[in-house]
Amino acid sequence: MKIIKETFFPVVPRGSIRATQNMFWLTQISDEQAVALDNKWVQKETSIGTMWVTYKQIKKTGVTKEFARKSPPSYARQRKYIIAQYEAYKELRRLADEADFIMPEDDFCIVGKFPMPKSWTKKKKAAMCHQLHKNKPDADNISKFLIDSMFKDGSRSARFRNDSCVSSYMVVKYYVPDGQEPGISVIEFERGFMGSLVGIYPF
């Protein structure tokens, strides 16, 4: 196994934003508006038990309809999360463009380098330094976040390709010590390395 190149992006690894695409509208309103939307829901007893309820007017009919859910909404919190996701997404692409980085299609490893929580003691940090990261975000969400960032909306590597061309890669997550910058690395191996593991390429 020969490493051809390693590219480091100083962006703290995050999960993919694909699950929040239908909530993009939250980025178009203010914090105050998001809080107001949360406050429109009240807890009350219904025919199916205690629920959080609000009332909305249907535009087509003008009829006011009751909507219920088991847990309270969290539009304000979701808004902050989605904005942070999109900011990280854009920063990753900006850094890739600055570095003239072209996302490989095969034979690479995505390495998520996570900071250790500030609440951890010095003893625990010493024990967990460079240990595998076993918490969220999931490994598949990190890879989706990175790959989506590189292949969407006119990014350099998206000019003639889309992410369906990616077929062989690995993902690793681990903790870095205080003082070492967290981020995402893309390690590129010699062509055919990943394929040889499953017999696609000749030895």
N, C-alpha and C. Protein backbone atom coordinates (compact mmCIF):
# COMPACT_ATOMS: atom_id res chain seq x y z
N MET A 1 0.85 -1.19 0.00
CA MET A 1 0.00 0.00 0.00
C MET A 1 0.88 1.24 0.00
N LYS A 2 0.71 2.09 -0.99
CA LYS A 2 1.50 3.29 -1.09
C LYS A 2 0.60 4.52 -1.04
N ILE A 3 0.93 5.46 -0.15
CA ILE A 3 0.17 6.71 -0.07
C ILE A 3 0.70 7.69 -1.09
N ILE A 4 -0.19 8.19 -1.93
CA ILE A 4 0.18 9.12 -2.99
C ILE A 4 0.10 10.57 -2.50
N LYS A 5 -0.94 10.86 -1.71
CA LYS A 5 -1.19 12.25 -1.34
C LYS A 5 -2.10 12.30 -0.13
N GLU A 6 -1.92 13.31 0.71
CA GLU A 6 -2.85 13.56 1.81
C GLU A 6 -3.22 15.03 1.82
N THR A 7 -4.53 15.30 1.87
CA THR A 7 -5.03 16.67 1.90
C THR A 7 -5.82 16.86 3.18
N PHE A 8 -5.46 17.87 3.96
CA PHE A 8 -6.12 18.13 5.24
C PHE A 8 -6.99 19.38 5.16
N PHE A 9 -8.22 19.25 5.66
CA PHE A 9 -9.14 20.39 5.73
C PHE A 9 -9.45 20.68 7.20
N PRO A 10 -9.09 21.85 7.70
CA PRO A 10 -9.35 22.19 9.11
C PRO A 10 -10.80 22.53 9.39
N VAL A 11 -11.67 21.59 9.12
CA VAL A 11 -13.11 21.74 9.38
C VAL A 11 -13.52 20.57 10.27
N VAL A 12 -14.06 20.87 11.44
CA VAL A 12 -14.46 19.80 12.36
C VAL A 12 -15.47 18.89 11.66
N PRO A 13 -15.21 17.58 11.65
CA PRO A 13 -16.12 16.65 10.95
C PRO A 13 -17.55 16.76 11.45
N ARG A 14 -18.47 16.81 10.51
CA ARG A 14 -19.89 16.90 10.85
C ARG A 14 -20.63 15.82 10.08
N GLY A 15 -21.88 15.59 10.50
CA GLY A 15 -22.70 14.65 9.77
C GLY A 15 -23.21 15.26 8.47
N SER A 16 -23.77 14.42 7.63
CA SER A 16 -24.31 14.89 6.36
C SER A 16 -25.51 15.79 6.59
N ILE A 17 -25.76 16.73 5.67
CA ILE A 17 -26.91 17.62 5.79
C ILE A 17 -28.11 17.11 5.00
N ARG A 18 -27.99 15.92 4.42
CA ARG A 18 -29.07 15.45 3.54
C ARG A 18 -30.39 15.30 4.28
N ALA A 19 -30.35 14.96 5.58
CA ALA A 19 -31.57 14.76 6.34
C ALA A 19 -32.28 16.06 6.66
N THR A 20 -31.60 17.20 6.45
CA THR A 20 -32.19 18.48 6.82
C THR A 20 -32.57 19.32 5.59
N GLN A 21 -32.50 18.74 4.40
CA GLN A 21 -32.77 19.50 3.19
C GLN A 21 -34.18 20.10 3.22
N ASN A 22 -35.17 19.36 3.72
CA ASN A 22 -36.53 19.87 3.73
C ASN A 22 -36.76 20.92 4.83
N MET A 23 -35.72 21.18 5.64
CA MET A 23 -35.83 22.19 6.68
C MET A 23 -35.04 23.44 6.32
N PHE A 24 -34.61 23.55 5.07
CA PHE A 24 -33.78 24.69 4.65
C PHE A 24 -34.50 26.02 4.89
N TRP A 25 -35.83 26.01 4.85
CA TRP A 25 -36.59 27.25 5.04
C TRP A 25 -36.28 27.91 6.38
N LEU A 26 -35.81 27.14 7.35
CA LEU A 26 -35.48 27.71 8.65
C LEU A 26 -34.32 28.69 8.57
N THR A 27 -33.47 28.53 7.56
CA THR A 27 -32.34 29.45 7.41
C THR A 27 -32.79 30.80 6.85
N GLN A 28 -34.01 30.86 6.35
CA GLN A 28 -34.51 32.09 5.74
C GLN A 28 -35.30 32.96 6.72
N ILE A 29 -35.43 32.51 7.96
CA ILE A 29 -36.14 33.29 8.97
C ILE A 29 -35.16 33.67 10.08
N SER A 30 -35.59 34.58 10.97
CA SER A 30 -34.73 35.03 12.06
C SER A 30 -34.86 34.12 13.28
N ASP A 31 -33.96 34.30 14.24
CA ASP A 31 -34.04 33.55 15.49
C ASP A 31 -35.38 33.82 16.18
N GLU A 32 -35.79 35.09 16.18
CA GLU A 32 -37.04 35.47 16.83
C GLU A 32 -38.24 34.78 16.18
N GLN A 33 -38.23 34.69 14.87
CA GLN A 33 -39.33 34.04 14.16
C GLN A 33 -39.36 32.54 14.47
N ALA A 34 -38.19 31.94 14.59
CA ALA A 34 -38.13 30.52 14.92
C ALA A 34 -38.67 30.27 16.32
N VAL A 35 -38.32 31.13 17.26
CA VAL A 35 -38.84 31.01 18.63
C VAL A 35 -40.35 31.19 18.64
N ALA A 36 -40.85 32.15 17.84
CA ALA A 36 -42.30 32.39 17.77
C ALA A 36 -43.03 31.16 17.25
N LEU A 37 -42.44 30.47 16.29
CA LEU A 37 -43.05 29.25 15.75
C LEU A 37 -43.10 28.16 16.83
N ASP A 38 -42.03 28.06 17.61
CA ASP A 38 -42.03 27.08 18.71
C ASP A 38 -43.14 27.39 19.71
N ASN A 39 -43.34 28.68 19.99
CA ASN A 39 -44.32 29.09 21.01
C ASN A 39 -45.77 28.91 20.56
N LYS A 40 -45.99 28.66 19.29
CA LYS A 40 -47.35 28.45 18.80
C LYS A 40 -47.89 27.07 19.18
N TRP A 41 -47.01 26.19 19.61
CA TRP A 41 -47.43 24.85 19.99
C TRP A 41 -47.69 24.81 21.50
N VAL A 42 -48.80 24.23 21.89
CA VAL A 42 -49.15 24.10 23.31
C VAL A 42 -49.47 22.65 23.62
N GLN A 43 -49.19 22.26 24.83
CA GLN A 43 -49.46 20.90 25.26
C GLN A 43 -50.88 20.78 25.77
N LYS A 44 -51.60 19.76 25.30
CA LYS A 44 -52.98 19.58 25.73
C LYS A 44 -53.41 18.13 25.59
N GLU A 45 -54.49 17.80 26.25
CA GLU A 45 -55.05 16.46 26.17
C GLU A 45 -55.87 16.32 24.89
N THR A 46 -55.64 15.24 24.17
CA THR A 46 -56.41 14.97 22.95
C THR A 46 -57.00 13.57 23.05
N SER A 47 -57.71 13.18 22.01
CA SER A 47 -58.33 11.85 22.00
C SER A 47 -57.29 10.73 21.96
N ILE A 48 -56.06 11.07 21.63
CA ILE A 48 -55.00 10.05 21.57
C ILE A 48 -53.94 10.28 22.64
N GLY A 49 -54.31 11.06 23.66
CA GLY A 49 -53.39 11.29 24.77
C GLY A 49 -52.85 12.70 24.80
N THR A 50 -51.86 12.94 25.66
CA THR A 50 -51.25 14.26 25.79
C THR A 50 -50.36 14.53 24.57
N MET A 51 -50.65 15.62 23.87
CA MET A 51 -49.91 15.95 22.65
C MET A 51 -49.55 17.43 22.63
N TRP A 52 -48.62 17.78 21.76
CA TRP A 52 -48.32 19.18 21.47
C TRP A 52 -49.11 19.57 20.25
N VAL A 53 -49.88 20.65 20.34
CA VAL A 53 -50.85 20.99 19.30
C VAL A 53 -50.68 22.43 18.82
N THR A 54 -50.92 22.62 17.52
CA THR A 54 -50.99 23.97 16.96
C THR A 54 -52.09 23.99 15.91
N TYR A 55 -52.44 25.18 15.45
CA TYR A 55 -53.50 25.33 14.44
C TYR A 55 -52.96 26.13 13.26
N LYS A 56 -53.22 25.60 12.07
CA LYS A 56 -52.75 26.27 10.86
C LYS A 56 -53.89 26.37 9.85
N GLN A 57 -53.90 27.48 9.12
CA GLN A 57 -54.91 27.67 8.10
C GLN A 57 -54.40 27.13 6.76
N ILE A 58 -55.21 26.27 6.15
CA ILE A 58 -54.85 25.70 4.86
C ILE A 58 -55.12 26.75 3.78
N LYS A 59 -54.10 27.11 3.02
CA LYS A 59 -54.22 28.20 2.06
C LYS A 59 -55.28 27.94 0.99
N LYS A 60 -55.34 26.73 0.49
CA LYS A 60 -56.26 26.42 -0.61
C LYS A 60 -57.73 26.51 -0.19
N THR A 61 -58.02 26.06 1.03
CA THR A 61 -59.41 25.98 1.47
C THR A 61 -59.80 27.07 2.45
N GLY A 62 -58.78 27.65 3.12
CA GLY A 62 -59.07 28.65 4.14
C GLY A 62 -59.51 28.04 5.45
N VAL A 63 -59.54 26.71 5.52
CA VAL A 63 -59.98 26.01 6.73
C VAL A 63 -58.82 25.91 7.72
N THR A 64 -59.12 26.16 8.98
CA THR A 64 -58.11 26.03 10.03
C THR A 64 -58.07 24.59 10.51
N LYS A 65 -56.90 24.01 10.51
CA LYS A 65 -56.75 22.59 10.85
C LYS A 65 -55.83 22.43 12.06
N GLU A 66 -56.14 21.43 12.87
CA GLU A 66 -55.32 21.14 14.04
C GLU A 66 -54.21 20.15 13.67
N PHE A 67 -53.00 20.45 14.13
CA PHE A 67 -51.86 19.56 13.93
C PHE A 67 -51.32 19.18 15.29
N ALA A 68 -50.96 17.91 15.46
CA ALA A 68 -50.49 17.42 16.76
C ALA A 68 -49.22 16.59 16.59
N ARG A 69 -48.42 16.61 17.63
CA ARG A 69 -47.19 15.82 17.65
C ARG A 69 -46.89 15.41 19.08
N LYS A 70 -46.13 14.33 19.26
CA LYS A 70 -45.87 13.81 20.59
C LYS A 70 -44.88 14.66 21.37
N SER A 71 -43.92 15.27 20.69
CA SER A 71 -42.91 16.06 21.39
C SER A 71 -42.98 17.51 20.92
N PRO A 72 -42.49 18.44 21.73
CA PRO A 72 -42.54 19.85 21.33
C PRO A 72 -41.60 20.12 20.16
N PRO A 73 -41.91 21.09 19.33
CA PRO A 73 -41.02 21.42 18.21
C PRO A 73 -39.75 22.10 18.73
N SER A 74 -38.76 22.17 17.89
CA SER A 74 -37.50 22.82 18.29
C SER A 74 -36.94 23.57 17.09
N TYR A 75 -37.77 24.43 16.50
CA TYR A 75 -37.35 25.15 15.30
C TYR A 75 -36.12 26.03 15.56
N ALA A 76 -36.07 26.68 16.72
CA ALA A 76 -34.94 27.56 17.03
C ALA A 76 -33.64 26.76 17.10
N ARG A 77 -33.68 25.62 17.77
CA ARG A 77 -32.48 24.78 17.87
C ARG A 77 -32.10 24.21 16.52
N GLN A 78 -33.11 23.74 15.76
CA GLN A 78 -32.85 23.18 14.43
C GLN A 78 -32.24 24.22 13.50
N ARG A 79 -32.72 25.46 13.63
CA ARG A 79 -32.20 26.53 12.77
C ARG A 79 -30.71 26.73 13.00
N LYS A 80 -30.28 26.78 14.26
CA LYS A 80 -28.87 26.96 14.56
C LYS A 80 -28.04 25.79 14.04
N TYR A 81 -28.58 24.59 14.18
CA TYR A 81 -27.87 23.39 13.72
C TYR A 81 -27.70 23.40 12.20
N ILE A 82 -28.78 23.71 11.49
CA ILE A 82 -28.73 23.70 10.02
C ILE A 82 -27.78 24.77 9.50
N ILE A 83 -27.83 25.96 10.10
CA ILE A 83 -26.92 27.03 9.67
C ILE A 83 -25.47 26.61 9.87
N ALA A 84 -25.18 25.98 11.02
CA ALA A 84 -23.82 25.50 11.28
C ALA A 84 -23.41 24.45 10.26
N GLN A 85 -24.36 23.58 9.88
CA GLN A 85 -24.08 22.56 8.88
C GLN A 85 -23.72 23.18 7.54
N TYR A 86 -24.53 24.13 7.10
CA TYR A 86 -24.29 24.75 5.81
C TYR A 86 -23.01 25.58 5.80
N GLU A 87 -22.69 26.22 6.91
CA GLU A 87 -21.45 26.99 6.99
C GLU A 87 -20.23 26.07 6.88
N ALA A 88 -20.29 24.91 7.55
CA ALA A 88 -19.20 23.95 7.47
C ALA A 88 -19.09 23.39 6.05
N TYR A 89 -20.23 23.14 5.45
CA TYR A 89 -20.31 22.62 4.08
C TYR A 89 -19.63 23.59 3.11
N LYS A 90 -19.95 24.88 3.22
CA LYS A 90 -19.38 25.89 2.33
C LYS A 90 -17.88 26.09 2.59
N GLU A 91 -17.49 26.05 3.87
CA GLU A 91 -16.09 26.23 4.21
C GLU A 91 -15.23 25.10 3.65
N LEU A 92 -15.74 23.89 3.72
CA LEU A 92 -15.02 22.74 3.19
C LEU A 92 -14.79 22.89 1.68
N ARG A 93 -15.82 23.32 0.98
CA ARG A 93 -15.69 23.52 -0.46
C ARG A 93 -14.74 24.68 -0.78
N ARG A 94 -14.78 25.72 0.02
CA ARG A 94 -13.89 26.86 -0.21
C ARG A 94 -12.43 26.43 -0.07
N LEU A 95 -12.15 25.66 0.97
CA LEU A 95 -10.79 25.19 1.19
C LEU A 95 -10.33 24.26 0.08
N ALA A 96 -11.25 23.43 -0.42
CA ALA A 96 -10.92 22.52 -1.51
C ALA A 96 -10.57 23.30 -2.77
N ASP A 97 -11.31 24.35 -3.06
CA ASP A 97 -11.03 25.18 -4.22
C ASP A 97 -9.69 25.89 -4.08
N GLU A 98 -9.41 26.38 -2.88
CA GLU A 98 -8.13 27.07 -2.63
C GLU A 98 -6.95 26.13 -2.85
N ALA A 99 -7.13 24.87 -2.46
CA ALA A 99 -6.05 23.89 -2.58
C ALA A 99 -6.03 23.22 -3.94
N ASP A 100 -6.96 23.62 -4.82
CA ASP A 100 -7.09 23.00 -6.15
C ASP A 100 -7.28 21.49 -6.01
N PHE A 101 -8.07 21.11 -4.98
CA PHE A 101 -8.29 19.71 -4.66
C PHE A 101 -9.35 19.09 -5.57
N ILE A 102 -9.05 17.94 -6.13
CA ILE A 102 -10.00 17.18 -6.94
C ILE A 102 -10.32 15.90 -6.19
N MET A 103 -11.57 15.69 -5.86
CA MET A 103 -11.96 14.52 -5.09
C MET A 103 -11.69 13.24 -5.88
N PRO A 104 -10.94 12.30 -5.29
CA PRO A 104 -10.70 11.03 -6.00
C PRO A 104 -11.97 10.20 -6.09
N GLU A 105 -11.99 9.30 -7.05
CA GLU A 105 -13.15 8.43 -7.23
C GLU A 105 -12.98 7.11 -6.49
N ASP A 106 -11.74 6.67 -6.33
CA ASP A 106 -11.45 5.38 -5.69
C ASP A 106 -10.13 5.46 -4.93
N ASP A 107 -9.88 4.41 -4.15
CA ASP A 107 -8.59 4.24 -3.50
C ASP A 107 -8.21 5.41 -2.58
N PHE A 108 -9.12 5.77 -1.67
CA PHE A 108 -8.82 6.83 -0.72
C PHE A 108 -9.43 6.52 0.64
N CYS A 109 -8.94 7.23 1.64
CA CYS A 109 -9.45 7.07 3.00
C CYS A 109 -9.83 8.43 3.55
N ILE A 110 -11.02 8.53 4.11
CA ILE A 110 -11.46 9.75 4.78
C ILE A 110 -11.16 9.60 6.26
N VAL A 111 -10.39 10.53 6.80
CA VAL A 111 -10.00 10.45 8.20
C VAL A 111 -10.63 11.62 8.96
N GLY A 112 -11.52 11.31 9.89
CA GLY A 112 -12.14 12.33 10.73
C GLY A 112 -11.34 12.49 12.01
N LYS A 113 -10.81 13.69 12.24
CA LYS A 113 -9.99 13.95 13.42
C LYS A 113 -10.79 14.83 14.38
N PHE A 114 -11.24 14.24 15.48
CA PHE A 114 -12.16 14.91 16.39
C PHE A 114 -11.47 15.48 17.63
N PRO A 115 -11.89 16.68 18.06
CA PRO A 115 -11.38 17.21 19.33
C PRO A 115 -12.02 16.46 20.48
N MET A 116 -11.32 16.36 21.57
CA MET A 116 -11.89 15.72 22.75
C MET A 116 -12.73 16.72 23.52
N PRO A 117 -13.85 16.28 24.09
CA PRO A 117 -14.73 17.19 24.84
C PRO A 117 -13.99 17.93 25.95
N LYS A 118 -14.33 19.20 26.12
CA LYS A 118 -13.69 20.02 27.15
C LYS A 118 -14.00 19.51 28.55
N SER A 119 -15.12 18.80 28.68
CA SER A 119 -15.53 18.32 30.00
C SER A 119 -14.69 17.12 30.48
N TRP A 120 -13.95 16.50 29.57
CA TRP A 120 -13.15 15.34 29.96
C TRP A 120 -11.99 15.77 30.87
N THR A 121 -11.64 14.89 31.81
CA THR A 121 -10.50 15.14 32.69
C THR A 121 -9.20 14.91 31.92
N LYS A 122 -8.09 15.41 32.46
CA LYS A 122 -6.78 15.22 31.83
C LYS A 122 -6.45 13.73 31.70
N LYS A 123 -6.86 12.97 32.72
CA LYS A 123 -6.60 11.53 32.71
C LYS A 123 -7.34 10.85 31.57
N LYS A 124 -8.63 11.21 31.40
CA LYS A 124 -9.41 10.59 30.33
C LYS A 124 -8.89 11.02 28.96
N LYS A 125 -8.51 12.30 28.84
CA LYS A 125 -7.97 12.78 27.56
C LYS A 125 -6.69 12.04 27.19
N ALA A 126 -5.86 11.79 28.19
CA ALA A 126 -4.61 11.07 27.93
C ALA A 126 -4.91 9.64 27.47
N ALA A 127 -5.96 9.04 28.06
CA ALA A 127 -6.31 7.66 27.71
C ALA A 127 -6.96 7.57 26.33
N MET A 128 -7.70 8.62 25.92
CA MET A 128 -8.45 8.58 24.66
C MET A 128 -7.70 9.20 23.48
N CYS A 129 -6.53 9.80 23.74
CA CYS A 129 -5.77 10.43 22.68
C CYS A 129 -5.43 9.43 21.58
N HIS A 130 -5.81 9.76 20.35
CA HIS A 130 -5.59 8.93 19.16
C HIS A 130 -6.35 7.60 19.20
N GLN A 131 -7.35 7.51 20.08
CA GLN A 131 -8.22 6.35 20.10
C GLN A 131 -9.37 6.56 19.11
N LEU A 132 -9.96 5.46 18.66
CA LEU A 132 -11.05 5.54 17.69
C LEU A 132 -12.25 6.26 18.28
N HIS A 133 -12.90 7.07 17.47
CA HIS A 133 -14.07 7.86 17.86
C HIS A 133 -15.32 7.00 17.66
N LYS A 134 -16.03 6.71 18.73
CA LYS A 134 -17.17 5.78 18.69
C LYS A 134 -18.51 6.47 18.89
N ASN A 135 -18.57 7.76 18.66
CA ASN A 135 -19.79 8.51 18.88
C ASN A 135 -20.27 9.15 17.58
N LYS A 136 -21.38 9.88 17.68
CA LYS A 136 -21.88 10.60 16.51
C LYS A 136 -21.00 11.81 16.24
N PRO A 137 -20.85 12.24 14.99
CA PRO A 137 -21.54 11.74 13.81
C PRO A 137 -20.98 10.40 13.33
N ASP A 138 -21.86 9.61 12.70
CA ASP A 138 -21.49 8.30 12.20
C ASP A 138 -20.46 8.43 11.08
N ALA A 139 -19.71 7.36 10.88
CA ALA A 139 -18.70 7.35 9.82
C ALA A 139 -19.32 7.58 8.45
N ASP A 140 -20.48 6.97 8.20
CA ASP A 140 -21.11 7.12 6.88
C ASP A 140 -21.63 8.54 6.67
N ASN A 141 -22.03 9.20 7.76
CA ASN A 141 -22.49 10.59 7.64
C ASN A 141 -21.33 11.53 7.34
N ILE A 142 -20.16 11.26 7.92
CA ILE A 142 -18.99 12.08 7.64
C ILE A 142 -18.58 11.96 6.17
N SER A 143 -18.56 10.72 5.67
CA SER A 143 -18.17 10.53 4.28
C SER A 143 -19.18 11.18 3.34
N LYS A 144 -20.46 11.11 3.68
CA LYS A 144 -21.49 11.73 2.85
C LYS A 144 -21.34 13.25 2.87
N PHE A 145 -21.03 13.80 4.02
CA PHE A 145 -20.81 15.24 4.16
C PHE A 145 -19.67 15.69 3.26
N LEU A 146 -18.55 14.98 3.32
CA LEU A 146 -17.39 15.34 2.51
C LEU A 146 -17.67 15.17 1.02
N ILE A 147 -18.19 14.03 0.63
CA ILE A 147 -18.40 13.74 -0.79
C ILE A 147 -19.44 14.67 -1.40
N ASP A 148 -20.52 14.93 -0.66
CA ASP A 148 -21.53 15.87 -1.14
C ASP A 148 -20.93 17.26 -1.35
N SER A 149 -20.06 17.66 -0.42
CA SER A 149 -19.44 18.98 -0.51
C SER A 149 -18.61 19.12 -1.79
N MET A 150 -17.98 18.02 -2.20
CA MET A 150 -17.08 18.07 -3.34
C MET A 150 -17.77 17.91 -4.69
N PHE A 151 -18.97 17.38 -4.70
CA PHE A 151 -19.61 17.05 -5.97
C PHE A 151 -20.86 17.86 -6.29
N LYS A 152 -21.17 18.88 -5.49
CA LYS A 152 -22.42 19.60 -5.73
C LYS A 152 -22.19 21.06 -6.11
N ASP A 153 -23.13 21.57 -6.91
CA ASP A 153 -23.27 23.01 -7.16
C ASP A 153 -22.01 23.69 -7.69
N GLY A 154 -21.40 23.09 -8.70
CA GLY A 154 -20.31 23.76 -9.38
C GLY A 154 -18.97 23.70 -8.69
N SER A 155 -18.78 22.82 -7.70
CA SER A 155 -17.47 22.68 -7.09
C SER A 155 -16.50 22.15 -8.14
N ARG A 156 -15.21 22.29 -7.92
CA ARG A 156 -14.22 21.99 -8.95
C ARG A 156 -14.35 20.57 -9.49
N SER A 157 -14.54 19.61 -8.59
CA SER A 157 -14.57 18.22 -9.03
C SER A 157 -15.92 17.82 -9.62
N ALA A 158 -16.89 18.73 -9.59
CA ALA A 158 -18.23 18.38 -10.07
C ALA A 158 -18.44 18.78 -11.54
N ARG A 159 -17.44 19.34 -12.17
CA ARG A 159 -17.64 19.86 -13.52
C ARG A 159 -18.09 18.79 -14.51
N PHE A 160 -17.53 17.58 -14.36
CA PHE A 160 -17.88 16.54 -15.32
C PHE A 160 -18.32 15.25 -14.64
N ARG A 161 -18.52 15.30 -13.31
CA ARG A 161 -18.84 14.07 -12.59
C ARG A 161 -19.93 14.32 -11.54
N ASN A 162 -20.46 13.25 -11.01
CA ASN A 162 -21.30 13.34 -9.82
C ASN A 162 -20.85 12.25 -8.85
N ASP A 163 -21.42 12.24 -7.65
CA ASP A 163 -20.88 11.35 -6.61
C ASP A 163 -21.11 9.87 -6.87
N SER A 164 -21.89 9.52 -7.89
CA SER A 164 -22.09 8.10 -8.20
C SER A 164 -20.81 7.44 -8.70
N CYS A 165 -19.81 8.23 -9.09
CA CYS A 165 -18.55 7.66 -9.59
C CYS A 165 -17.67 7.14 -8.46
N VAL A 166 -17.98 7.50 -7.21
CA VAL A 166 -17.17 7.05 -6.07
C VAL A 166 -17.58 5.62 -5.72
N SER A 167 -16.59 4.70 -5.74
CA SER A 167 -16.96 3.30 -5.53
C SER A 167 -16.08 2.56 -4.52
N SER A 168 -14.96 3.14 -4.10
CA SER A 168 -14.12 2.41 -3.14
C SER A 168 -13.35 3.38 -2.26
N TYR A 169 -13.66 3.35 -0.97
CA TYR A 169 -12.95 4.19 -0.01
C TYR A 169 -13.16 3.64 1.40
N MET A 170 -12.37 4.15 2.34
CA MET A 170 -12.47 3.76 3.74
C MET A 170 -12.75 5.01 4.58
N VAL A 171 -13.23 4.79 5.79
CA VAL A 171 -13.46 5.90 6.72
C VAL A 171 -12.88 5.52 8.09
N VAL A 172 -12.16 6.45 8.68
CA VAL A 172 -11.61 6.25 10.03
C VAL A 172 -11.93 7.50 10.85
N LYS A 173 -12.30 7.31 12.12
CA LYS A 173 -12.55 8.43 13.02
C LYS A 173 -11.71 8.23 14.28
N TYR A 174 -11.04 9.29 14.74
CA TYR A 174 -10.31 9.18 16.00
C TYR A 174 -10.18 10.54 16.68
N TYR A 175 -9.81 10.51 17.95
CA TYR A 175 -9.65 11.73 18.74
C TYR A 175 -8.22 12.27 18.61
N VAL A 176 -8.11 13.58 18.47
CA VAL A 176 -6.79 14.21 18.46
C VAL A 176 -6.60 14.93 19.80
N PRO A 177 -5.37 15.07 20.24
CA PRO A 177 -5.12 15.71 21.54
C PRO A 177 -5.33 17.22 21.47
N ASP A 178 -5.49 17.83 22.63
CA ASP A 178 -5.59 19.28 22.70
C ASP A 178 -4.33 19.88 22.07
N GLY A 179 -4.51 20.91 21.28
CA GLY A 179 -3.36 21.53 20.62
C GLY A 179 -3.18 21.07 19.20
N GLN A 180 -3.78 19.93 18.83
CA GLN A 180 -3.73 19.48 17.44
C GLN A 180 -5.04 19.85 16.76
N GLU A 181 -4.95 20.43 15.60
CA GLU A 181 -6.14 20.93 14.92
C GLU A 181 -7.03 19.79 14.44
N PRO A 182 -8.31 19.80 14.80
CA PRO A 182 -9.23 18.80 14.28
C PRO A 182 -9.58 19.10 12.83
N GLY A 183 -10.12 18.13 12.14
CA GLY A 183 -10.50 18.34 10.75
C GLY A 183 -10.72 17.04 10.01
N ILE A 184 -10.66 17.11 8.70
CA ILE A 184 -10.86 15.95 7.83
C ILE A 184 -9.68 15.84 6.88
N SER A 185 -9.11 14.65 6.81
CA SER A 185 -8.05 14.38 5.85
C SER A 185 -8.56 13.41 4.79
N VAL A 186 -8.08 13.61 3.56
CA VAL A 186 -8.33 12.66 2.49
C VAL A 186 -6.98 12.09 2.08
N ILE A 187 -6.79 10.81 2.35
CA ILE A 187 -5.53 10.13 2.02
C ILE A 187 -5.75 9.32 0.74
N GLU A 188 -4.98 9.60 -0.27
CA GLU A 188 -5.11 8.91 -1.56
C GLU A 188 -4.02 7.85 -1.70
N PHE A 189 -4.44 6.62 -2.04
CA PHE A 189 -3.51 5.51 -2.22
C PHE A 189 -3.21 5.30 -3.70
N GLU A 190 -2.22 4.47 -3.95
CA GLU A 190 -1.90 4.13 -5.33
C GLU A 190 -3.11 3.44 -5.97
N ARG A 191 -3.29 3.68 -7.24
CA ARG A 191 -4.46 3.19 -7.95
C ARG A 191 -4.53 1.66 -7.90
N GLY A 192 -5.70 1.15 -7.57
CA GLY A 192 -5.93 -0.28 -7.54
C GLY A 192 -5.86 -0.90 -6.16
N PHE A 193 -5.43 -0.13 -5.16
CA PHE A 193 -5.28 -0.70 -3.82
C PHE A 193 -6.59 -1.23 -3.27
N MET A 194 -7.64 -0.42 -3.29
CA MET A 194 -8.92 -0.85 -2.73
C MET A 194 -9.52 -1.98 -3.55
N GLY A 195 -9.43 -1.88 -4.87
CA GLY A 195 -9.98 -2.92 -5.73
C GLY A 195 -9.31 -4.26 -5.52
N SER A 196 -8.01 -4.25 -5.22
CA SER A 196 -7.29 -5.50 -5.03
C SER A 196 -7.81 -6.27 -3.83
N LEU A 197 -8.40 -5.56 -2.87
CA LEU A 197 -8.93 -6.22 -1.67
C LEU A 197 -10.10 -7.13 -1.98
N VAL A 198 -10.80 -6.85 -3.06
CA VAL A 198 -11.96 -7.67 -3.41
C VAL A 198 -11.78 -8.36 -4.76
N GLY A 199 -10.54 -8.36 -5.24
CA GLY A 199 -10.24 -9.10 -6.46
C GLY A 199 -10.64 -8.42 -7.74
N ILE A 200 -10.96 -7.10 -7.69
CA ILE A 200 -11.36 -6.39 -8.91
C ILE A 200 -10.15 -6.14 -9.79
N TYR A 201 -8.99 -5.79 -9.15
CA TYR A 201 -7.77 -5.52 -9.89
C TYR A 201 -6.83 -6.71 -9.78
N PRO A 202 -6.03 -6.98 -10.80
CA PRO A 202 -5.05 -8.09 -10.73
C PRO A 202 -3.95 -7.77 -9.75
N PHE A 203 -3.43 -8.77 -9.06
CA PHE A 203 -2.32 -8.59 -8.13
C PHE A 203 -1.02 -8.49 -8.91
